[in-house]
Amino acid sequence: MAALGLFQTDGGCRAEPVYEIASPLYEEAVIDLGKRFGRGETFTVKAHGASRVNKYVQRAELNGKPQKTFLVDAKEVLKGGTLELWMGPEPNREWGVR
């Protein structure tokens, strides 16, 4: 999951697990959720401009809604949808700090 730009620093041990948004290795990745056990069909991570140089998240949207924080509820990932990340060469010190 870390290679997709999602990481759990607590190992998923919370009562309400979250993923931290990080730098993905791929411009796009699709996770097949199988549409079982109340899950969605797929979850897609799109990293616009991702490269060795553009390794910093500038902004993020989950299913078209701007994300103000670097945390994403695991239950939202399991519902399916799309996480879009816009990458850049320098950290955006205004995003994900609130």
C-alpha atoms as a PDB file:
ATOM      1  CA  MET A   1       0.000   0.000   0.000  1.00  0.00           C
ATOM      2  CA  ALA A   2       2.895   2.365   0.667  1.00  0.00           C
ATOM      3  CA  ALA A   3       3.905   2.144  -3.021  1.00  0.00           C
ATOM      4  CA  LEU A   4       0.378   3.328  -3.874  1.00  0.00           C
ATOM      5  CA  GLY A   5       0.748   6.383  -1.645  1.00  0.00           C
ATOM      6  CA  LEU A   6      -1.245   5.035   1.304  1.00  0.00           C
ATOM      7  CA  PHE A   7       0.354   3.962   4.561  1.00  0.00           C
ATOM      8  CA  GLN A   8      -0.796   3.013   8.063  1.00  0.00           C
ATOM      9  CA  THR A   9       1.746   4.095  10.664  1.00  0.00           C
ATOM     10  CA  ASP A  10      -0.278   2.389  13.386  1.00  0.00           C
ATOM     11  CA  GLY A  11      -0.557  -0.884  11.477  1.00  0.00           C
ATOM     12  CA  GLY A  12      -4.340  -0.577  11.246  1.00  0.00           C
ATOM     13  CA  CYS A  13      -4.770  -1.043  15.002  1.00  0.00           C
ATOM     14  CA  ARG A  14      -7.190   1.850  15.563  1.00  0.00           C
ATOM     15  CA  ALA A  15     -10.863   1.224  16.187  1.00  0.00           C
ATOM     16  CA  GLU A  16     -11.438   3.408  13.100  1.00  0.00           C
ATOM     17  CA  PRO A  17      -8.352   2.731  10.886  1.00  0.00           C
ATOM     18  CA  VAL A  18      -6.914   5.481   8.687  1.00  0.00           C
ATOM     19  CA  TYR A  19      -4.402   5.684   5.874  1.00  0.00           C
ATOM     20  CA  GLU A  20      -1.847   8.462   5.661  1.00  0.00           C
ATOM     21  CA  ILE A  21      -1.399   9.927   2.182  1.00  0.00           C
ATOM     22  CA  ALA A  22       2.208   9.694   1.003  1.00  0.00           C
ATOM     23  CA  SER A  23       4.138   9.775  -2.272  1.00  0.00           C
ATOM     24  CA  PRO A  24       3.040   7.023  -4.673  1.00  0.00           C
ATOM     25  CA  LEU A  25       5.490   5.282  -6.979  1.00  0.00           C
ATOM     26  CA  TYR A  26       2.936   5.034  -9.782  1.00  0.00           C
ATOM     27  CA  GLU A  27       0.928   7.592 -11.730  1.00  0.00           C
ATOM     28  CA  GLU A  28      -2.147   5.379 -11.495  1.00  0.00           C
ATOM     29  CA  ALA A  29      -3.062   2.207  -9.664  1.00  0.00           C
ATOM     30  CA  VAL A  30      -6.385   0.398  -9.383  1.00  0.00           C
ATOM     31  CA  ILE A  31      -7.200  -1.858  -6.439  1.00  0.00           C
ATOM     32  CA  ASP A  32      -9.849  -4.533  -7.039  1.00  0.00           C
ATOM     33  CA  LEU A  33     -12.024  -4.521  -3.913  1.00  0.00           C
ATOM     34  CA  GLY A  34     -14.133  -7.382  -5.231  1.00  0.00           C
ATOM     35  CA  LYS A  35     -17.487  -5.796  -4.360  1.00  0.00           C
ATOM     36  CA  ARG A  36     -17.776  -8.253  -1.470  1.00  0.00           C
ATOM     37  CA  PHE A  37     -18.406  -7.816   2.245  1.00  0.00           C
ATOM     38  CA  GLY A  38     -19.944  -4.367   1.687  1.00  0.00           C
ATOM     39  CA  ARG A  39     -16.955  -3.093  -0.277  1.00  0.00           C
ATOM     40  CA  GLY A  40     -16.985  -1.162  -3.516  1.00  0.00           C
ATOM     41  CA  GLU A  41     -15.774  -2.498  -6.837  1.00  0.00           C
ATOM     42  CA  THR A  42     -12.457  -0.655  -7.201  1.00  0.00           C
ATOM     43  CA  PHE A  43     -10.351   2.049  -5.552  1.00  0.00           C
ATOM     44  CA  THR A  44      -8.113   4.101  -7.840  1.00  0.00           C
ATOM     45  CA  VAL A  45      -5.136   6.234  -6.880  1.00  0.00           C
ATOM     46  CA  LYS A  46      -4.148   8.805  -9.526  1.00  0.00           C
ATOM     47  CA  ALA A  47      -0.967  10.808  -8.959  1.00  0.00           C
ATOM     48  CA  HIS A  48      -0.856  13.619 -11.522  1.00  0.00           C
ATOM     49  CA  GLY A  49       2.745  14.420 -12.432  1.00  0.00           C
ATOM     50  CA  ALA A  50       4.295  11.774 -10.171  1.00  0.00           C
ATOM     51  CA  SER A  51       8.009  11.287 -10.791  1.00  0.00           C
ATOM     52  CA  ARG A  52      11.332  11.065  -8.960  1.00  0.00           C
ATOM     53  CA  VAL A  53      11.366  14.877  -8.956  1.00  0.00           C
ATOM     54  CA  ASN A  54       7.657  15.459  -8.253  1.00  0.00           C
ATOM     55  CA  LYS A  55       7.466  13.470  -5.040  1.00  0.00           C
ATOM     56  CA  TYR A  56       5.528  15.889  -2.847  1.00  0.00           C
ATOM     57  CA  VAL A  57       1.743  15.965  -2.598  1.00  0.00           C
ATOM     58  CA  GLN A  58       0.466  19.446  -3.440  1.00  0.00           C
ATOM     59  CA  ARG A  59      -3.230  18.717  -2.960  1.00  0.00           C
ATOM     60  CA  ALA A  60      -5.609  15.779  -2.872  1.00  0.00           C
ATOM     61  CA  GLU A  61      -9.219  14.959  -3.692  1.00  0.00           C
ATOM     62  CA  LEU A  62     -11.203  11.927  -2.626  1.00  0.00           C
ATOM     63  CA  ASN A  63     -14.102  11.249  -5.002  1.00  0.00           C
ATOM     64  CA  GLY A  64     -13.946  14.836  -6.220  1.00  0.00           C
ATOM     65  CA  LYS A  65     -13.920  16.403  -2.735  1.00  0.00           C
ATOM     66  CA  PRO A  66     -10.831  18.336  -1.633  1.00  0.00           C
ATOM     67  CA  GLN A  67      -8.909  16.752   1.249  1.00  0.00           C
ATOM     68  CA  LYS A  68      -7.592  19.200   3.815  1.00  0.00           C
ATOM     69  CA  THR A  69      -5.720  16.549   5.762  1.00  0.00           C
ATOM     70  CA  PHE A  70      -3.299  13.771   4.856  1.00  0.00           C
ATOM     71  CA  LEU A  71      -5.548  11.197   6.592  1.00  0.00           C
ATOM     72  CA  VAL A  72      -8.110   9.061   4.748  1.00  0.00           C
ATOM     73  CA  ASP A  73     -10.502   6.785   6.637  1.00  0.00           C
ATOM     74  CA  ALA A  74      -9.954   3.152   5.681  1.00  0.00           C
ATOM     75  CA  LYS A  75     -13.733   2.723   5.439  1.00  0.00           C
ATOM     76  CA  GLU A  76     -13.770   5.359   2.675  1.00  0.00           C
ATOM     77  CA  VAL A  77     -11.109   3.434   0.737  1.00  0.00           C
ATOM     78  CA  LEU A  78     -13.119   0.220   1.078  1.00  0.00           C
ATOM     79  CA  LYS A  79     -16.240   1.911  -0.302  1.00  0.00           C
ATOM     80  CA  GLY A  80     -14.347   2.398  -3.559  1.00  0.00           C
ATOM     81  CA  GLY A  81     -13.785   5.488  -5.616  1.00  0.00           C
ATOM     82  CA  THR A  82     -10.831   7.625  -6.612  1.00  0.00           C
ATOM     83  CA  LEU A  83      -8.094   9.396  -4.704  1.00  0.00           C
ATOM     84  CA  GLU A  84      -6.432  12.015  -6.893  1.00  0.00           C
ATOM     85  CA  LEU A  85      -3.102  13.511  -5.904  1.00  0.00           C
ATOM     86  CA  TRP A  86      -1.338  16.428  -7.570  1.00  0.00           C
ATOM     87  CA  MET A  87       2.400  16.107  -7.173  1.00  0.00           C
ATOM     88  CA  GLY A  88       5.181  18.711  -7.245  1.00  0.00           C
ATOM     89  CA  PRO A  89       8.937  19.139  -6.714  1.00  0.00           C
ATOM     90  CA  GLU A  90       8.681  21.013  -3.388  1.00  0.00           C
ATOM     91  CA  PRO A  91       6.526  20.402  -0.307  1.00  0.00           C
ATOM     92  CA  ASN A  92       3.274  22.349  -0.110  1.00  0.00           C
ATOM     93  CA  ARG A  93       3.515  23.562   3.472  1.00  0.00           C
ATOM     94  CA  GLU A  94      -0.117  24.709   3.373  1.00  0.00           C
ATOM     95  CA  TRP A  95      -1.648  21.312   2.580  1.00  0.00           C
ATOM     96  CA  GLY A  96      -2.276  18.564   5.107  1.00  0.00           C
ATOM     97  CA  VAL A  97      -1.213  20.534   8.163  1.00  0.00           C
ATOM     98  CA  ARG A  98      -4.632  21.257   9.639  1.00  0.00           C
END
